[in-house]
Amino acid sequence: MMTRALLDGLDVDAYERVVILSPHLDDAALSCGGLLHALQGVSTLVVTLCSGNPPALMAADGTIKAPSRRGHVSPRIRRREDIAAMRSIRAEFVHLSFPDAIYRRSQAGKLIYRNERERWVAPRADDSIYIEELHQLLRRICLDLGSILLVSPMGIGDHVDHQITARVALRLAQAGASLLFYEDFPYVADPASGRGDADGPAQALARLRLAPAERFIVPVDVEGKMRLLGHYASQVPVLFGSDEQMRSAILAHQHGGAPCEFYWRAKPLNVPV
């Protein structure tokens, strides 16, 4: 498949705004940091979906408490990190109040995704209310902006929140948005991350009943992306282990010998380009 430079063929003047969907409070920077740098001066909005606090719970004694999950950083800390990162590149951003999958509960009050392993599954039926609320809210935010380029994760790694984002993005595309998928980083670069089986673009699109149509690249200024990702101090050790391992992952994701980010347009399965 031929690969083209995204910004060489993208007429940004044809869109009133570029909207990047970020499932969590670091995904846009991780996967689209190069694009965000390149789009400075272009009307761009990063919408983070799962950035809300965990729903409060009532204890047996009637007191209200804010639950936490062991090993996970407070959303308040993560919002502060993302605000600093977005301001550093002068990107507009919105933090939606939906909680991360690890905090979402069924109508019966039970955790929908009970442990780490269950984040790498198809969305549960108990998540359907959240998915519909998300779709209705994003429809109002995105489609009321006029002509937009919508940039969504494709779901590489199979994280449930990334899958949900991609599915909702497809519905927005059916309603008129121009849709471009980004490769979920670091899942695409590390076979051990995500569900741990070297998931890739073709597999992720197939789960959406799509096939690759066009592939694009955006060259990455490695040091610039390192500075951007350095704002997410709580996440770098979890995702990469160290700054040097993060630099290695960015450097290793290449096209033509140069570090790049990859973006895709897709088509329905079995439809010729």
Protein backbone atom coordinates (compact mmCIF):
# COMPACT_ATOMS: atom_id res chain seq x y z
CA MET A 1 0.00 0.00 0.00
CA MET A 2 1.33 3.44 -0.91
CA THR A 3 2.10 5.70 2.03
CA ARG A 4 1.79 9.48 1.73
CA ALA A 5 2.70 12.41 3.95
CA LEU A 6 -0.55 13.39 5.62
CA LEU A 7 -0.06 17.14 5.65
CA ASP A 8 1.02 17.24 2.00
CA GLY A 9 -2.36 15.91 0.92
CA LEU A 10 -4.55 17.37 3.67
CA ASP A 11 -6.34 20.59 2.82
CA VAL A 12 -6.84 21.91 6.33
CA ASP A 13 -8.71 24.92 4.92
CA ALA A 14 -11.46 22.51 3.86
CA TYR A 15 -12.31 21.93 7.53
CA GLU A 16 -13.49 24.34 10.17
CA ARG A 17 -11.68 22.31 12.81
CA VAL A 18 -9.61 19.18 13.39
CA VAL A 19 -11.04 17.18 16.32
CA ILE A 20 -8.84 14.51 17.91
CA LEU A 21 -10.62 11.98 20.13
CA SER A 22 -8.53 10.81 23.09
CA PRO A 23 -9.94 7.91 25.13
CA HIS A 24 -7.77 8.81 28.14
CA LEU A 25 -5.73 11.71 29.44
CA ASP A 26 -2.59 10.95 27.41
CA ASP A 27 -3.70 9.09 24.28
CA ALA A 28 -3.78 12.12 21.97
CA ALA A 29 -0.25 13.10 22.98
CA LEU A 30 1.05 9.53 22.78
CA SER A 31 -0.41 8.74 19.37
CA CYS A 32 -0.75 12.19 17.76
CA GLY A 33 1.95 14.31 19.40
CA GLY A 34 3.67 14.81 16.05
CA LEU A 35 0.41 15.80 14.39
CA LEU A 36 -0.45 18.20 17.21
CA HIS A 37 2.91 19.93 16.79
CA ALA A 38 2.38 20.12 13.02
CA LEU A 39 -1.14 21.55 13.40
CA GLN A 40 -0.13 24.51 15.58
CA GLY A 41 -1.89 27.48 14.02
CA VAL A 42 -4.72 25.24 12.75
CA SER A 43 -8.00 25.19 14.69
CA THR A 44 -7.62 21.92 16.61
CA LEU A 45 -9.61 20.49 19.51
CA VAL A 46 -8.58 17.49 21.64
CA VAL A 47 -11.58 15.84 23.29
CA THR A 48 -10.69 13.45 26.11
CA LEU A 49 -13.52 11.07 26.88
CA CYS A 50 -12.63 9.20 30.09
CA SER A 51 -11.36 11.99 32.30
CA GLY A 52 -13.98 12.11 35.05
CA ASN A 53 -13.64 11.18 38.70
CA PRO A 54 -14.79 7.72 39.83
CA PRO A 55 -18.50 7.70 40.75
CA ALA A 56 -18.94 8.22 44.48
CA LEU A 57 -20.13 5.24 46.53
CA MET A 58 -22.19 5.08 49.71
CA ALA A 59 -20.60 3.09 52.52
CA ALA A 60 -22.58 0.86 54.88
CA ASP A 61 -22.64 3.64 57.48
CA GLY A 62 -24.22 6.04 54.99
CA THR A 63 -21.10 8.09 54.30
CA ILE A 64 -20.08 8.94 50.75
CA LYS A 65 -16.60 7.99 49.62
CA ALA A 66 -14.61 8.37 46.43
CA PRO A 67 -13.43 4.91 45.38
CA SER A 68 -9.99 4.16 43.98
CA ARG A 69 -8.45 1.20 42.19
CA ARG A 70 -5.08 -0.03 43.39
CA GLY A 71 -2.24 0.97 41.10
CA HIS A 72 -4.19 3.69 39.29
CA VAL A 73 -3.43 7.40 39.52
CA SER A 74 -6.14 9.87 40.56
CA PRO A 75 -7.96 11.43 37.59
CA ARG A 76 -7.33 14.82 39.20
CA ILE A 77 -3.58 14.32 38.86
CA ARG A 78 -3.95 13.08 35.30
CA ARG A 79 -6.10 16.08 34.32
CA ARG A 80 -3.41 18.43 35.64
CA GLU A 81 -0.81 16.61 33.55
CA ASP A 82 -2.92 16.83 30.40
CA ILE A 83 -3.70 20.51 30.92
CA ALA A 84 0.02 21.27 31.16
CA ALA A 85 0.74 19.17 28.05
CA MET A 86 -1.99 20.75 25.92
CA ARG A 87 -1.07 24.27 27.00
CA SER A 88 2.58 23.60 26.11
CA ILE A 89 1.57 23.17 22.44
CA ARG A 90 -1.29 25.69 22.51
CA ALA A 91 -3.92 23.05 21.74
CA GLU A 92 -7.55 23.58 22.67
CA PHE A 93 -8.95 20.76 24.78
CA VAL A 94 -12.08 19.49 26.50
CA HIS A 95 -12.20 16.98 29.36
CA LEU A 96 -15.46 15.03 29.41
CA SER A 97 -16.70 13.72 32.74
CA PHE A 98 -17.06 10.03 31.85
CA PRO A 99 -15.01 7.72 34.11
CA ASP A 100 -12.37 5.31 32.86
CA ALA A 101 -13.54 1.73 32.24
CA ILE A 102 -11.86 0.62 35.47
CA TYR A 103 -14.33 2.79 37.43
CA ARG A 104 -17.57 2.26 35.49
CA ARG A 105 -20.36 0.37 37.21
CA SER A 106 -23.54 -1.35 36.13
CA GLN A 107 -26.96 -0.13 37.17
CA ALA A 108 -26.71 -2.70 39.95
CA GLY A 109 -23.59 -0.96 41.25
CA LYS A 110 -21.13 -3.70 40.25
CA LEU A 111 -17.85 -2.97 38.48
CA ILE A 112 -18.30 -3.72 34.77
CA TYR A 113 -14.58 -4.46 34.26
CA ARG A 114 -13.47 -6.13 37.46
CA ASN A 115 -9.73 -6.47 36.91
CA GLU A 116 -6.85 -5.45 34.64
CA ARG A 117 -7.40 -8.37 32.26
CA GLU A 118 -11.00 -7.39 31.59
CA ARG A 119 -9.99 -4.06 30.02
CA TRP A 120 -8.87 -5.98 26.92
CA VAL A 121 -12.31 -7.27 25.92
CA ALA A 122 -15.22 -6.22 23.76
CA PRO A 123 -17.51 -3.67 25.44
CA ARG A 124 -19.86 -5.28 27.95
CA ALA A 125 -23.63 -5.01 27.66
CA ASP A 126 -23.66 -3.09 30.94
CA ASP A 127 -21.64 -0.35 29.19
CA SER A 128 -24.34 0.34 26.60
CA ILE A 129 -25.81 3.30 28.48
CA TYR A 130 -22.39 4.96 28.69
CA ILE A 131 -21.74 4.33 24.99
CA GLU A 132 -25.04 5.92 23.96
CA GLU A 133 -24.53 8.93 26.24
CA LEU A 134 -21.04 9.35 24.81
CA HIS A 135 -22.34 9.21 21.25
CA GLN A 136 -25.05 11.80 21.89
CA LEU A 137 -22.62 14.18 23.61
CA LEU A 138 -19.91 13.84 20.94
CA ARG A 139 -22.52 14.30 18.23
CA ARG A 140 -23.43 17.67 19.75
CA ILE A 141 -19.81 18.72 20.31
CA CYS A 142 -18.38 17.57 16.99
CA LEU A 143 -21.13 17.91 14.43
CA ASP A 144 -22.12 21.39 15.62
CA LEU A 145 -18.65 22.65 14.65
CA GLY A 146 -19.37 22.55 10.93
CA SER A 147 -17.09 20.65 8.56
CA ILE A 148 -14.55 18.75 10.68
CA LEU A 149 -11.77 16.22 10.29
CA LEU A 150 -12.36 13.69 13.06
CA VAL A 151 -9.23 11.80 14.17
CA SER A 152 -9.94 8.66 16.21
CA PRO A 153 -8.02 5.72 17.63
CA MET A 154 -8.54 2.51 15.68
CA GLY A 155 -8.34 0.30 18.77
CA ILE A 156 -4.94 -1.40 18.37
CA GLY A 157 -4.24 -3.28 21.59
CA ASP A 158 -7.98 -3.88 22.08
CA HIS A 159 -8.43 -1.62 25.12
CA VAL A 160 -12.17 -1.40 25.66
CA ASP A 161 -12.20 2.41 25.90
CA HIS A 162 -10.31 2.68 22.60
CA GLN A 163 -12.75 0.25 20.96
CA ILE A 164 -15.71 2.29 22.17
CA THR A 165 -14.15 5.52 20.91
CA ALA A 166 -13.60 4.01 17.45
CA ARG A 167 -17.17 2.70 17.27
CA VAL A 168 -18.63 6.07 18.24
CA ALA A 169 -16.34 7.81 15.72
CA LEU A 170 -17.74 5.58 12.99
CA ARG A 171 -21.26 6.65 13.90
CA LEU A 172 -20.18 10.30 13.72
CA ALA A 173 -18.66 9.64 10.29
CA GLN A 174 -21.96 8.18 9.13
CA ALA A 175 -23.56 11.46 10.24
CA GLY A 176 -21.17 13.55 8.16
CA ALA A 177 -17.74 13.85 9.82
CA SER A 178 -14.65 13.11 7.72
CA LEU A 179 -12.89 10.30 9.62
CA LEU A 180 -9.21 9.49 9.93
CA PHE A 181 -7.87 6.78 12.26
CA TYR A 182 -4.63 6.96 14.22
CA GLU A 183 -2.53 4.03 15.37
CA ASP A 184 -2.79 3.55 19.14
CA PHE A 185 0.67 4.13 20.62
CA PRO A 186 2.45 2.46 22.41
CA TYR A 187 0.27 -0.62 21.76
CA VAL A 188 1.18 -0.67 18.05
CA ALA A 189 4.91 -0.48 18.87
CA ASP A 190 5.13 -2.99 21.72
CA PRO A 191 3.84 -6.56 21.19
CA ALA A 192 3.72 -7.08 24.96
CA SER A 193 1.42 -4.12 25.60
CA GLY A 194 -2.34 -4.06 25.33
CA ARG A 195 -3.72 -7.56 25.10
CA GLY A 196 -0.18 -8.80 24.44
CA ASP A 197 -0.42 -10.44 21.02
CA ALA A 198 1.14 -7.93 18.58
CA ASP A 199 -2.15 -6.45 17.44
CA GLY A 200 -1.97 -4.20 14.37
CA PRO A 201 -3.91 -1.84 12.08
CA ALA A 202 -5.42 -4.52 9.84
CA GLN A 203 -6.73 -6.52 12.81
CA ALA A 204 -8.09 -3.42 14.56
CA LEU A 205 -9.91 -2.25 11.44
CA ALA A 206 -11.28 -5.76 10.82
CA ARG A 207 -12.88 -5.68 14.28
CA LEU A 208 -14.70 -2.56 13.08
CA ARG A 209 -15.68 -4.40 9.86
CA LEU A 210 -13.34 -2.14 7.91
CA ALA A 211 -10.29 -2.61 5.72
CA PRO A 212 -7.34 -0.26 5.10
CA ALA A 213 -7.85 2.19 2.23
CA GLU A 214 -5.03 4.73 2.59
CA ARG A 215 -2.04 5.11 4.92
CA PHE A 216 -0.44 8.42 5.84
CA ILE A 217 2.59 9.45 7.87
CA VAL A 218 3.47 12.45 9.99
CA PRO A 219 7.20 12.84 10.76
CA VAL A 220 7.97 13.09 14.46
CA ASP A 221 10.33 15.53 16.13
CA VAL A 222 11.52 13.05 18.75
CA GLU A 223 12.74 15.59 21.28
CA GLY A 224 9.58 17.66 20.83
CA LYS A 225 7.40 14.61 21.47
CA MET A 226 9.56 13.66 24.45
CA ARG A 227 8.97 17.11 25.96
CA LEU A 228 5.23 16.79 25.37
CA LEU A 229 5.02 13.31 26.90
CA GLY A 230 7.21 14.40 29.81
CA HIS A 231 4.17 16.22 31.20
CA TYR A 232 2.56 12.82 31.88
CA ALA A 233 4.92 11.95 34.73
CA SER A 234 2.49 9.48 36.30
CA GLN A 235 2.16 7.44 33.10
CA VAL A 236 5.67 7.20 31.61
CA PRO A 237 6.92 4.57 34.11
CA VAL A 238 3.74 2.52 33.64
CA LEU A 239 3.81 2.61 29.85
CA PHE A 240 7.52 2.59 29.10
CA GLY A 241 9.53 2.02 32.27
CA SER A 242 11.78 5.05 31.75
CA ASP A 243 12.34 8.11 29.57
CA GLU A 244 15.02 6.31 27.59
CA GLN A 245 12.71 3.38 26.85
CA MET A 246 10.08 5.87 25.75
CA ARG A 247 12.58 7.54 23.41
CA SER A 248 13.52 4.14 22.00
CA ALA A 249 9.86 3.29 21.33
CA ILE A 250 9.32 6.60 19.50
CA LEU A 251 12.50 6.19 17.47
CA ALA A 252 11.68 2.60 16.52
CA HIS A 253 8.28 3.44 14.99
CA GLN A 254 9.57 4.45 11.56
CA HIS A 255 8.88 4.88 7.89
CA GLY A 256 11.73 5.31 5.42
CA GLY A 257 14.25 5.38 8.26
CA ALA A 258 12.61 8.29 10.09
CA PRO A 259 10.38 8.27 13.20
CA CYS A 260 6.74 8.73 12.20
CA GLU A 261 3.16 8.52 13.34
CA PHE A 262 0.75 6.61 11.12
CA TYR A 263 -2.80 7.52 10.14
CA TRP A 264 -5.34 5.55 8.10
CA ARG A 265 -8.47 6.00 6.08
CA ALA A 266 -10.65 2.92 5.96
CA LYS A 267 -13.35 1.41 3.77
CA PRO A 268 -16.02 -1.23 4.42
CA LEU A 269 -14.72 -4.77 4.07
CA ASN A 270 -14.76 -6.20 0.53
CA VAL A 271 -15.26 -2.81 -1.11
CA PRO A 272 -12.56 -1.83 -3.63
CA VAL A 273 -10.62 1.41 -3.08
